[in-house]
Amino acid sequence: MAKPGDKGRDRGAAAKDAAAGPSAVAVWAGRARAIGALIGFAVAFWVSRRAGIGTTDAALRGLLGAVAFSLVTWFAALLVIGGLVRTAAMRPAPPEAPAPPAGAGTPVGG
């Protein structure tokens, strides 16, 4: 049975884990989302300007393109990262090097 004072220790451990920073998956997914947003804005803005739309409207369409493409790239990044994690988890462990024989490294006759 848990003691009444144990709850404070659990919160402290959770706070330490949260203070450690974001996980590697979150970092890579965030990078992919940012790159997707930049590409989405650039493509939507460029296509809108080529179609003869004014700069203000093209910029608004660029923002919509950035939001849409960032969501697409975020989801794609999660799929790719998940596949890489599954592949790494299924990879067999490398064989261990054999241990040196007993007495290796000692001088002969010494």
PDB file of N, CA and C in Angstrom:
ATOM      1  N   MET A   1       0.846  -1.169   0.000  1.00  0.00           N
ATOM      2  CA  MET A   1       0.000   0.000   0.000  1.00  0.00           C
ATOM      3  C   MET A   1       0.890   1.230   0.000  1.00  0.00           C
ATOM      4  N   ALA A   2       0.527   2.221  -0.778  1.00  0.00           N
ATOM      5  CA  ALA A   2       1.327   3.434  -0.913  1.00  0.00           C
ATOM      6  C   ALA A   2       1.150   4.329   0.307  1.00  0.00           C
ATOM      7  N   LYS A   3       2.217   4.943   0.689  1.00  0.00           N
ATOM      8  CA  LYS A   3       2.166   5.876   1.807  1.00  0.00           C
ATOM      9  C   LYS A   3       1.686   7.229   1.305  1.00  0.00           C
ATOM     10  N   PRO A   4       1.112   8.048   2.173  1.00  0.00           N
ATOM     11  CA  PRO A   4       0.617   9.356   1.736  1.00  0.00           C
ATOM     12  C   PRO A   4       1.726  10.263   1.192  1.00  0.00           C
ATOM     13  N   GLY A   5       2.945  10.106   1.646  1.00  0.00           N
ATOM     14  CA  GLY A   5       4.043  10.963   1.203  1.00  0.00           C
ATOM     15  C   GLY A   5       4.630  10.560  -0.145  1.00  0.00           C
ATOM     16  N   ASP A   6       4.211   9.425  -0.719  1.00  0.00           N
ATOM     17  CA  ASP A   6       4.777   8.940  -1.975  1.00  0.00           C
ATOM     18  C   ASP A   6       4.349   9.766  -3.186  1.00  0.00           C
ATOM     19  N   LYS A   7       3.193  10.411  -3.102  1.00  0.00           N
ATOM     20  CA  LYS A   7       2.705  11.167  -4.251  1.00  0.00           C
ATOM     21  C   LYS A   7       3.656  12.308  -4.619  1.00  0.00           C
ATOM     22  N   GLY A   8       4.212  12.955  -3.647  1.00  0.00           N
ATOM     23  CA  GLY A   8       5.137  14.049  -3.909  1.00  0.00           C
ATOM     24  C   GLY A   8       6.373  13.579  -4.645  1.00  0.00           C
ATOM     25  N   ARG A   9       6.839  12.392  -4.337  1.00  0.00           N
ATOM     26  CA  ARG A   9       8.023  11.852  -5.018  1.00  0.00           C
ATOM     27  C   ARG A   9       7.715  11.535  -6.474  1.00  0.00           C
ATOM     28  N   ASP A  10       6.522  11.031  -6.733  1.00  0.00           N
ATOM     29  CA  ASP A  10       6.143  10.728  -8.114  1.00  0.00           C
ATOM     30  C   ASP A  10       6.063  12.004  -8.941  1.00  0.00           C
ATOM     31  N   ARG A  11       5.533  13.060  -8.385  1.00  0.00           N
ATOM     32  CA  ARG A  11       5.444  14.326  -9.103  1.00  0.00           C
ATOM     33  C   ARG A  11       6.834  14.887  -9.373  1.00  0.00           C
ATOM     34  N   GLY A  12       7.728  14.726  -8.430  1.00  0.00           N
ATOM     35  CA  GLY A  12       9.092  15.208  -8.621  1.00  0.00           C
ATOM     36  C   GLY A  12       9.794  14.468  -9.749  1.00  0.00           C
ATOM     37  N   ALA A  13       9.578  13.160  -9.830  1.00  0.00           N
ATOM     38  CA  ALA A  13      10.184  12.380 -10.908  1.00  0.00           C
ATOM     39  C   ALA A  13       9.594  12.776 -12.252  1.00  0.00           C
ATOM     40  N   ALA A  14       8.291  13.019 -12.295  1.00  0.00           N
ATOM     41  CA  ALA A  14       7.658  13.444 -13.542  1.00  0.00           C
ATOM     42  C   ALA A  14       8.149  14.816 -13.960  1.00  0.00           C
ATOM     43  N   ALA A  15       8.369  15.689 -13.000  1.00  0.00           N
ATOM     44  CA  ALA A  15       8.872  17.021 -13.321  1.00  0.00           C
ATOM     45  C   ALA A  15      10.289  16.950 -13.860  1.00  0.00           C
ATOM     46  N   LYS A  16      11.104  16.059 -13.329  1.00  0.00           N
ATOM     47  CA  LYS A  16      12.468  15.896 -13.830  1.00  0.00           C
ATOM     48  C   LYS A  16      12.452  15.361 -15.259  1.00  0.00           C
ATOM     49  N   ASP A  17      11.552  14.417 -15.546  1.00  0.00           N
ATOM     50  CA  ASP A  17      11.449  13.884 -16.903  1.00  0.00           C
ATOM     51  C   ASP A  17      11.005  14.962 -17.883  1.00  0.00           C
ATOM     52  N   ALA A  18      10.071  15.799 -17.471  1.00  0.00           N
ATOM     53  CA  ALA A  18       9.584  16.863 -18.346  1.00  0.00           C
ATOM     54  C   ALA A  18      10.646  17.925 -18.554  1.00  0.00           C
ATOM     55  N   ALA A  19      11.480  18.146 -17.555  1.00  0.00           N
ATOM     56  CA  ALA A  19      12.524  19.158 -17.672  1.00  0.00           C
ATOM     57  C   ALA A  19      13.685  18.674 -18.521  1.00  0.00           C
ATOM     58  N   ALA A  20      13.765  17.385 -18.801  1.00  0.00           N
ATOM     59  CA  ALA A  20      14.861  16.842 -19.592  1.00  0.00           C
ATOM     60  C   ALA A  20      14.804  17.329 -21.027  1.00  0.00           C
ATOM     61  N   GLY A  21      13.651  17.734 -21.515  1.00  0.00           N
ATOM     62  CA  GLY A  21      13.522  18.254 -22.865  1.00  0.00           C
ATOM     63  C   GLY A  21      12.720  17.320 -23.752  1.00  0.00           C
ATOM     64  N   PRO A  22      12.479  17.770 -24.970  1.00  0.00           N
ATOM     65  CA  PRO A  22      11.668  16.965 -25.885  1.00  0.00           C
ATOM     66  C   PRO A  22      12.430  15.734 -26.370  1.00  0.00           C
ATOM     67  N   SER A  23      11.682  14.740 -26.786  1.00  0.00           N
ATOM     68  CA  SER A  23      12.301  13.525 -27.290  1.00  0.00           C
ATOM     69  C   SER A  23      12.850  13.758 -28.695  1.00  0.00           C
ATOM     70  N   ALA A  24      13.643  12.832 -29.150  1.00  0.00           N
ATOM     71  CA  ALA A  24      14.228  12.938 -30.483  1.00  0.00           C
ATOM     72  C   ALA A  24      13.142  12.891 -31.561  1.00  0.00           C
ATOM     73  N   VAL A  25      12.101  12.108 -31.322  1.00  0.00           N
ATOM     74  CA  VAL A  25      11.003  12.030 -32.293  1.00  0.00           C
ATOM     75  C   VAL A  25      10.318  13.385 -32.417  1.00  0.00           C
ATOM     76  N   ALA A  26      10.096  14.052 -31.299  1.00  0.00           N
ATOM     77  CA  ALA A  26       9.451  15.367 -31.323  1.00  0.00           C
ATOM     78  C   ALA A  26      10.321  16.394 -32.041  1.00  0.00           C
ATOM     79  N   VAL A  27      11.616  16.305 -31.856  1.00  0.00           N
ATOM     80  CA  VAL A  27      12.525  17.248 -32.520  1.00  0.00           C
ATOM     81  C   VAL A  27      12.491  17.047 -34.032  1.00  0.00           C
ATOM     82  N   TRP A  28      12.620  15.789 -34.475  1.00  0.00           N
ATOM     83  CA  TRP A  28      12.625  15.530 -35.912  1.00  0.00           C
ATOM     84  C   TRP A  28      11.277  15.832 -36.555  1.00  0.00           C
ATOM     85  N   ALA A  29      10.185  15.504 -35.860  1.00  0.00           N
ATOM     86  CA  ALA A  29       8.856  15.812 -36.399  1.00  0.00           C
ATOM     87  C   ALA A  29       8.650  17.323 -36.483  1.00  0.00           C
ATOM     88  N   GLY A  30       9.145  18.051 -35.506  1.00  0.00           N
ATOM     89  CA  GLY A  30       9.049  19.514 -35.538  1.00  0.00           C
ATOM     90  C   GLY A  30       9.852  20.123 -36.674  1.00  0.00           C
ATOM     91  N   ARG A  31      11.043  19.574 -36.913  1.00  0.00           N
ATOM     92  CA  ARG A  31      11.856  20.060 -38.033  1.00  0.00           C
ATOM     93  C   ARG A  31      11.159  19.810 -39.366  1.00  0.00           C
ATOM     94  N   ALA A  32      10.604  18.612 -39.513  1.00  0.00           N
ATOM     95  CA  ALA A  32       9.901  18.291 -40.755  1.00  0.00           C
ATOM     96  C   ALA A  32       8.695  19.203 -40.945  1.00  0.00           C
ATOM     97  N   ARG A  33       7.996  19.483 -39.862  1.00  0.00           N
ATOM     98  CA  ARG A  33       6.813  20.347 -39.947  1.00  0.00           C
ATOM     99  C   ARG A  33       7.204  21.765 -40.345  1.00  0.00           C
ATOM    100  N   ALA A  34       8.304  22.270 -39.808  1.00  0.00           N
ATOM    101  CA  ALA A  34       8.758  23.620 -40.144  1.00  0.00           C
ATOM    102  C   ALA A  34       9.188  23.704 -41.608  1.00  0.00           C
ATOM    103  N   ILE A  35       9.913  22.705 -42.062  1.00  0.00           N
ATOM    104  CA  ILE A  35      10.341  22.698 -43.468  1.00  0.00           C
ATOM    105  C   ILE A  35       9.129  22.589 -44.381  1.00  0.00           C
ATOM    106  N   GLY A  36       8.164  21.759 -43.999  1.00  0.00           N
ATOM    107  CA  GLY A  36       6.942  21.638 -44.781  1.00  0.00           C
ATOM    108  C   GLY A  36       6.169  22.935 -44.850  1.00  0.00           C
ATOM    109  N   ALA A  37       6.134  23.674 -43.740  1.00  0.00           N
ATOM    110  CA  ALA A  37       5.430  24.958 -43.734  1.00  0.00           C
ATOM    111  C   ALA A  37       6.107  25.954 -44.670  1.00  0.00           C
ATOM    112  N   LEU A  38       7.423  25.995 -44.663  1.00  0.00           N
ATOM    113  CA  LEU A  38       8.144  26.903 -45.565  1.00  0.00           C
ATOM    114  C   LEU A  38       7.905  26.548 -47.028  1.00  0.00           C
ATOM    115  N   ILE A  39       7.983  25.256 -47.332  1.00  0.00           N
ATOM    116  CA  ILE A  39       7.757  24.822 -48.718  1.00  0.00           C
ATOM    117  C   ILE A  39       6.315  25.076 -49.122  1.00  0.00           C
ATOM    118  N   GLY A  40       5.361  24.789 -48.235  1.00  0.00           N
ATOM    119  CA  GLY A  40       3.953  25.016 -48.543  1.00  0.00           C
ATOM    120  C   GLY A  40       3.656  26.481 -48.806  1.00  0.00           C
ATOM    121  N   PHE A  41       4.232  27.370 -48.004  1.00  0.00           N
ATOM    122  CA  PHE A  41       4.025  28.795 -48.229  1.00  0.00           C
ATOM    123  C   PHE A  41       4.623  29.211 -49.568  1.00  0.00           C
ATOM    124  N   ALA A  42       5.848  28.782 -49.824  1.00  0.00           N
ATOM    125  CA  ALA A  42       6.522  29.189 -51.065  1.00  0.00           C
ATOM    126  C   ALA A  42       5.764  28.708 -52.297  1.00  0.00           C
ATOM    127  N   VAL A  43       5.332  27.477 -52.291  1.00  0.00           N
ATOM    128  CA  VAL A  43       4.624  26.928 -53.456  1.00  0.00           C
ATOM    129  C   VAL A  43       3.277  27.616 -53.643  1.00  0.00           C
ATOM    130  N   ALA A  44       2.507  27.768 -52.571  1.00  0.00           N
ATOM    131  CA  ALA A  44       1.188  28.388 -52.705  1.00  0.00           C
ATOM    132  C   ALA A  44       1.308  29.854 -53.125  1.00  0.00           C
ATOM    133  N   PHE A  45       2.271  30.558 -52.564  1.00  0.00           N
ATOM    134  CA  PHE A  45       2.479  31.957 -52.938  1.00  0.00           C
ATOM    135  C   PHE A  45       2.908  32.074 -54.397  1.00  0.00           C
ATOM    136  N   TRP A  46       3.845  31.241 -54.803  1.00  0.00           N
ATOM    137  CA  TRP A  46       4.351  31.284 -56.180  1.00  0.00           C
ATOM    138  C   TRP A  46       3.253  30.952 -57.189  1.00  0.00           C
ATOM    139  N   VAL A  47       2.470  29.915 -56.918  1.00  0.00           N
ATOM    140  CA  VAL A  47       1.387  29.529 -57.827  1.00  0.00           C
ATOM    141  C   VAL A  47       0.336  30.626 -57.889  1.00  0.00           C
ATOM    142  N   SER A  48       0.022  31.229 -56.754  1.00  0.00           N
ATOM    143  CA  SER A  48      -0.977  32.296 -56.733  1.00  0.00           C
ATOM    144  C   SER A  48      -0.501  33.518 -57.518  1.00  0.00           C
ATOM    145  N   ARG A  49       0.745  33.888 -57.339  1.00  0.00           N
ATOM    146  CA  ARG A  49       1.278  35.051 -58.064  1.00  0.00           C
ATOM    147  C   ARG A  49       1.338  34.781 -59.564  1.00  0.00           C
ATOM    148  N   ARG A  50       1.670  33.558 -59.947  1.00  0.00           N
ATOM    149  CA  ARG A  50       1.713  33.214 -61.374  1.00  0.00           C
ATOM    150  C   ARG A  50       0.319  33.233 -61.989  1.00  0.00           C
ATOM    151  N   ALA A  51      -0.703  33.030 -61.177  1.00  0.00           N
ATOM    152  CA  ALA A  51      -2.082  33.048 -61.665  1.00  0.00           C
ATOM    153  C   ALA A  51      -2.632  34.467 -61.745  1.00  0.00           C
ATOM    154  N   GLY A  52      -1.851  35.465 -61.325  1.00  0.00           N
ATOM    155  CA  GLY A  52      -2.274  36.851 -61.421  1.00  0.00           C
ATOM    156  C   GLY A  52      -3.007  37.371 -60.205  1.00  0.00           C
ATOM    157  N   ILE A  53      -2.925  36.674 -59.100  1.00  0.00           N
ATOM    158  CA  ILE A  53      -3.592  37.109 -57.869  1.00  0.00           C
ATOM    159  C   ILE A  53      -2.714  38.152 -57.185  1.00  0.00           C
ATOM    160  N   GLY A  54      -3.329  39.113 -56.523  1.00  0.00           N
ATOM    161  CA  GLY A  54      -2.597  40.174 -55.834  1.00  0.00           C
ATOM    162  C   GLY A  54      -1.709  39.632 -54.727  1.00  0.00           C
ATOM    163  N   THR A  55      -0.765  40.474 -54.306  1.00  0.00           N
ATOM    164  CA  THR A  55       0.224  40.040 -53.321  1.00  0.00           C
ATOM    165  C   THR A  55      -0.414  39.690 -51.979  1.00  0.00           C
ATOM    166  N   THR A  56      -1.373  40.482 -51.530  1.00  0.00           N
ATOM    167  CA  THR A  56      -2.010  40.224 -50.238  1.00  0.00           C
ATOM    168  C   THR A  56      -2.776  38.907 -50.264  1.00  0.00           C
ATOM    169  N   ASP A  57      -3.560  38.699 -51.309  1.00  0.00           N
ATOM    170  CA  ASP A  57      -4.310  37.447 -51.417  1.00  0.00           C
ATOM    171  C   ASP A  57      -3.372  36.262 -51.608  1.00  0.00           C
ATOM    172  N   ALA A  58      -2.299  36.463 -52.353  1.00  0.00           N
ATOM    173  CA  ALA A  58      -1.329  35.382 -52.548  1.00  0.00           C
ATOM    174  C   ALA A  58      -0.654  35.023 -51.225  1.00  0.00           C
ATOM    175  N   ALA A  59      -0.378  36.032 -50.387  1.00  0.00           N
ATOM    176  CA  ALA A  59       0.234  35.762 -49.089  1.00  0.00           C
ATOM    177  C   ALA A  59      -0.731  34.998 -48.183  1.00  0.00           C
ATOM    178  N   LEU A  60      -2.016  35.359 -48.223  1.00  0.00           N
ATOM    179  CA  LEU A  60      -3.003  34.624 -47.419  1.00  0.00           C
ATOM    180  C   LEU A  60      -3.130  33.181 -47.902  1.00  0.00           C
ATOM    181  N   ARG A  61      -3.128  32.991 -49.204  1.00  0.00           N
ATOM    182  CA  ARG A  61      -3.163  31.622 -49.726  1.00  0.00           C
ATOM    183  C   ARG A  61      -1.878  30.877 -49.374  1.00  0.00           C
ATOM    184  N   GLY A  62      -0.775  31.610 -49.339  1.00  0.00           N
ATOM    185  CA  GLY A  62       0.487  31.000 -48.917  1.00  0.00           C
ATOM    186  C   GLY A  62       0.423  30.521 -47.478  1.00  0.00           C
ATOM    187  N   LEU A  63      -0.206  31.297 -46.608  1.00  0.00           N
ATOM    188  CA  LEU A  63      -0.356  30.877 -45.208  1.00  0.00           C
ATOM    189  C   LEU A  63      -1.221  29.623 -45.097  1.00  0.00           C
ATOM    190  N   LEU A  64      -2.290  29.580 -45.878  1.00  0.00           N
ATOM    191  CA  LEU A  64      -3.128  28.377 -45.876  1.00  0.00           C
ATOM    192  C   LEU A  64      -2.354  27.169 -46.403  1.00  0.00           C
ATOM    193  N   GLY A  65      -1.563  27.400 -47.441  1.00  0.00           N
ATOM    194  CA  GLY A  65      -0.720  26.325 -47.969  1.00  0.00           C
ATOM    195  C   GLY A  65       0.310  25.867 -46.953  1.00  0.00           C
ATOM    196  N   ALA A  66       0.844  26.816 -46.180  1.00  0.00           N
ATOM    197  CA  ALA A  66       1.828  26.466 -45.161  1.00  0.00           C
ATOM    198  C   ALA A  66       1.203  25.587 -44.081  1.00  0.00           C
ATOM    199  N   VAL A  67       0.003  25.946 -43.642  1.00  0.00           N
ATOM    200  CA  VAL A  67      -0.672  25.144 -42.614  1.00  0.00           C
ATOM    201  C   VAL A  67      -0.970  23.743 -43.135  1.00  0.00           C
ATOM    202  N   ALA A  68      -1.511  23.672 -44.342  1.00  0.00           N
ATOM    203  CA  ALA A  68      -1.866  22.369 -44.906  1.00  0.00           C
ATOM    204  C   ALA A  68      -0.630  21.498 -45.118  1.00  0.00           C
ATOM    205  N   PHE A  69       0.412  22.069 -45.698  1.00  0.00           N
ATOM    206  CA  PHE A  69       1.592  21.264 -45.999  1.00  0.00           C
ATOM    207  C   PHE A  69       2.363  20.906 -44.737  1.00  0.00           C
ATOM    208  N   SER A  70       2.310  21.751 -43.708  1.00  0.00           N
ATOM    209  CA  SER A  70       2.999  21.396 -42.468  1.00  0.00           C
ATOM    210  C   SER A  70       2.337  20.191 -41.809  1.00  0.00           C
ATOM    211  N   LEU A  71       1.008  20.115 -41.883  1.00  0.00           N
ATOM    212  CA  LEU A  71       0.317  18.951 -41.325  1.00  0.00           C
ATOM    213  C   LEU A  71       0.651  17.683 -42.106  1.00  0.00           C
ATOM    214  N   VAL A  72       0.717  17.806 -43.421  1.00  0.00           N
ATOM    215  CA  VAL A  72       1.050  16.645 -44.255  1.00  0.00           C
ATOM    216  C   VAL A  72       2.464  16.157 -43.956  1.00  0.00           C
ATOM    217  N   THR A  73       3.429  17.077 -43.895  1.00  0.00           N
ATOM    218  CA  THR A  73       4.808  16.658 -43.639  1.00  0.00           C
ATOM    219  C   THR A  73       4.995  16.151 -42.215  1.00  0.00           C
ATOM    220  N   TRP A  74       4.259  16.705 -41.262  1.00  0.00           N
ATOM    221  CA  TRP A  74       4.335  16.212 -39.889  1.00  0.00           C
ATOM    222  C   TRP A  74       3.863  14.763 -39.822  1.00  0.00           C
ATOM    223  N   PHE A  75       2.730  14.480 -40.456  1.00  0.00           N
ATOM    224  CA  PHE A  75       2.204  13.120 -40.454  1.00  0.00           C
ATOM    225  C   PHE A  75       3.155  12.173 -41.177  1.00  0.00           C
ATOM    226  N   ALA A  76       3.698  12.610 -42.319  1.00  0.00           N
ATOM    227  CA  ALA A  76       4.642  11.773 -43.059  1.00  0.00           C
ATOM    228  C   ALA A  76       5.901  11.518 -42.235  1.00  0.00           C
ATOM    229  N   ALA A  77       6.379  12.525 -41.531  1.00  0.00           N
ATOM    230  CA  ALA A  77       7.571  12.349 -40.697  1.00  0.00           C
ATOM    231  C   ALA A  77       7.312  11.339 -39.590  1.00  0.00           C
ATOM    232  N   LEU A  78       6.130  11.391 -38.980  1.00  0.00           N
ATOM    233  CA  LEU A  78       5.810  10.411 -37.943  1.00  0.00           C
ATOM    234  C   LEU A  78       5.773   8.999 -38.504  1.00  0.00           C
ATOM    235  N   LEU A  79       5.250   8.840 -39.719  1.00  0.00           N
ATOM    236  CA  LEU A  79       5.230   7.518 -40.342  1.00  0.00           C
ATOM    237  C   LEU A  79       6.643   7.017 -40.618  1.00  0.00           C
ATOM    238  N   VAL A  80       7.494   7.883 -41.133  1.00  0.00           N
ATOM    239  CA  VAL A  80       8.874   7.491 -41.446  1.00  0.00           C
ATOM    240  C   VAL A  80       9.636   7.166 -40.168  1.00  0.00           C
ATOM    241  N   ILE A  81       9.511   8.007 -39.148  1.00  0.00           N
ATOM    242  CA  ILE A  81      10.215   7.771 -37.891  1.00  0.00           C
ATOM    243  C   ILE A  81       9.724   6.475 -37.240  1.00  0.00           C
ATOM    244  N   GLY A  82       8.425   6.242 -37.285  1.00  0.00           N
ATOM    245  CA  GLY A  82       7.882   4.997 -36.740  1.00  0.00           C
ATOM    246  C   GLY A  82       8.429   3.778 -37.464  1.00  0.00           C
ATOM    247  N   GLY A  83       8.538   3.869 -38.783  1.00  0.00           N
ATOM    248  CA  GLY A  83       9.119   2.766 -39.553  1.00  0.00           C
ATOM    249  C   GLY A  83      10.577   2.533 -39.207  1.00  0.00           C
ATOM    250  N   LEU A  84      11.317   3.611 -39.034  1.00  0.00           N
ATOM    251  CA  LEU A  84      12.728   3.472 -38.659  1.00  0.00           C
ATOM    252  C   LEU A  84      12.883   2.855 -37.271  1.00  0.00           C
ATOM    253  N   VAL A  85      12.024   3.244 -36.350  1.00  0.00           N
ATOM    254  CA  VAL A  85      12.083   2.682 -34.996  1.00  0.00           C
ATOM    255  C   VAL A  85      11.741   1.197 -35.032  1.00  0.00           C
ATOM    256  N   ARG A  86      10.713   0.812 -35.778  1.00  0.00           N
ATOM    257  CA  ARG A  86      10.354  -0.601 -35.885  1.00  0.00           C
ATOM    258  C   ARG A  86      11.468  -1.406 -36.532  1.00  0.00           C
ATOM    259  N   THR A  87      12.103  -0.842 -37.569  1.00  0.00           N
ATOM    260  CA  THR A  87      13.202  -1.536 -38.232  1.00  0.00           C
ATOM    261  C   THR A  87      14.376  -1.720 -37.282  1.00  0.00           C
ATOM    262  N   ALA A  88      14.698  -0.678 -36.527  1.00  0.00           N
ATOM    263  CA  ALA A  88      15.804  -0.779 -35.579  1.00  0.00           C
ATOM    264  C   ALA A  88      15.496  -1.767 -34.467  1.00  0.00           C
ATOM    265  N   ALA A  89      14.236  -1.860 -34.066  1.00  0.00           N
ATOM    266  CA  ALA A  89      13.864  -2.777 -32.998  1.00  0.00           C
ATOM    267  C   ALA A  89      13.932  -4.228 -33.460  1.00  0.00           C
ATOM    268  N   MET A  90      13.709  -4.480 -34.732  1.00  0.00           N
ATOM    269  CA  MET A  90      13.708  -5.848 -35.239  1.00  0.00           C
ATOM    270  C   MET A  90      15.092  -6.307 -35.672  1.00  0.00           C
ATOM    271  N   ARG A  91      16.034  -5.390 -35.764  1.00  0.00           N
ATOM    272  CA  ARG A  91      17.388  -5.750 -36.181  1.00  0.00           C
ATOM    273  C   ARG A  91      18.032  -6.610 -35.097  1.00  0.00           C
ATOM    274  N   PRO A  92      18.678  -7.720 -35.499  1.00  0.00           N
ATOM    275  CA  PRO A  92      19.314  -8.550 -34.473  1.00  0.00           C
ATOM    276  C   PRO A  92      20.502  -7.822 -33.850  1.00  0.00           C
ATOM    277  N   ALA A  93      20.767  -8.170 -32.619  1.00  0.00           N
ATOM    278  CA  ALA A  93      21.886  -7.549 -31.910  1.00  0.00           C
ATOM    279  C   ALA A  93      23.195  -8.009 -32.540  1.00  0.00           C
ATOM    280  N   PRO A  94      24.197  -7.140 -32.587  1.00  0.00           N
ATOM    281  CA  PRO A  94      25.487  -7.551 -33.154  1.00  0.00           C
ATOM    282  C   PRO A  94      26.125  -8.622 -32.279  1.00  0.00           C
ATOM    283  N   PRO A  95      26.863  -9.536 -32.897  1.00  0.00           N
ATOM    284  CA  PRO A  95      27.492 -10.585 -32.078  1.00  0.00           C
ATOM    285  C   PRO A  95      28.540  -9.975 -31.150  1.00  0.00           C
ATOM    286  N   GLU A  96      28.613 -10.538 -29.981  1.00  0.00           N
ATOM    287  CA  GLU A  96      29.573 -10.042 -29.004  1.00  0.00           C
ATOM    288  C   GLU A  96      30.964 -10.597 -29.332  1.00  0.00           C
ATOM    289  N   ALA A  97      31.977  -9.795 -29.061  1.00  0.00           N
ATOM    290  CA  ALA A  97      33.349 -10.248 -29.287  1.00  0.00           C
ATOM    291  C   ALA A  97      33.682 -11.315 -28.244  1.00  0.00           C
ATOM    292  N   PRO A  98      34.419 -12.342 -28.660  1.00  0.00           N
ATOM    293  CA  PRO A  98      34.766 -13.383 -27.682  1.00  0.00           C
ATOM    294  C   PRO A  98      35.682 -12.817 -26.602  1.00  0.00           C
ATOM    295  N   ALA A  99      35.522 -13.323 -25.423  1.00  0.00           N
ATOM    296  CA  ALA A  99      36.347 -12.873 -24.304  1.00  0.00           C
ATOM    297  C   ALA A  99      37.770 -13.380 -24.503  1.00  0.00           C
ATOM    298  N   PRO A 100      38.758 -12.609 -24.113  1.00  0.00           N
ATOM    299  CA  PRO A 100      40.143 -13.080 -24.246  1.00  0.00           C
ATOM    300  C   PRO A 100      40.371 -14.274 -23.325  1.00  0.00           C
ATOM    301  N   PRO A 101      41.243 -15.167 -23.719  1.00  0.00           N
ATOM    302  CA  PRO A 101      41.488 -16.345 -22.862  1.00  0.00           C
ATOM    303  C   PRO A 101      42.076 -15.913 -21.517  1.00  0.00           C
ATOM    304  N   ALA A 102      41.854 -16.744 -20.542  1.00  0.00           N
ATOM    305  CA  ALA A 102      42.356 -16.439 -19.193  1.00  0.00           C
ATOM    306  C   ALA A 102      43.881 -16.351 -19.225  1.00  0.00           C
ATOM    307  N   GLY A 103      44.392 -15.344 -18.609  1.00  0.00           N
ATOM    308  CA  GLY A 103      45.823 -15.165 -18.561  1.00  0.00           C
ATOM    309  C   GLY A 103      46.371 -14.378 -19.734  1.00  0.00           C
ATOM    310  N   ALA A 104      45.522 -13.908 -20.607  1.00  0.00           N
ATOM    311  CA  ALA A 104      46.010 -13.130 -21.750  1.00  0.00           C
ATOM    312  C   ALA A 104      46.563 -11.820 -21.260  1.00  0.00           C
ATOM    313  N   GLY A 105      47.677 -11.428 -21.807  1.00  0.00           N
ATOM    314  CA  GLY A 105      48.278 -10.160 -21.446  1.00  0.00           C
ATOM    315  C   GLY A 105      49.301 -10.271 -20.325  1.00  0.00           C
ATOM    316  N   THR A 106      49.456 -11.453 -19.746  1.00  0.00           N
ATOM    317  CA  THR A 106      50.474 -11.630 -18.714  1.00  0.00           C
ATOM    318  C   THR A 106      51.749 -12.124 -19.356  1.00  0.00           C
ATOM    319  N   PRO A 107      52.896 -11.679 -18.892  1.00  0.00           N
ATOM    320  CA  PRO A 107      54.149 -12.127 -19.498  1.00  0.00           C
ATOM    321  C   PRO A 107      54.390 -13.623 -19.259  1.00  0.00           C
ATOM    322  N   VAL A 108      54.991 -14.247 -20.242  1.00  0.00           N
ATOM    323  CA  VAL A 108      55.278 -15.673 -20.149  1.00  0.00           C
ATOM    324  C   VAL A 108      56.513 -15.847 -19.258  1.00  0.00           C
ATOM    325  N   GLY A 109      56.418 -16.747 -18.334  1.00  0.00           N
ATOM    326  CA  GLY A 109      57.545 -17.077 -17.442  1.00  0.00           C
ATOM    327  C   GLY A 109      57.768 -16.011 -16.388  1.00  0.00           C
ATOM    328  N   GLY A 110      56.824 -15.169 -16.161  1.00  0.00           N
ATOM    329  CA  GLY A 110      57.081 -14.069 -15.279  1.00  0.00           C
ATOM    330  C   GLY A 110      56.523 -14.177 -13.970  1.00  0.00           C
TER     331      GLY A 110
END
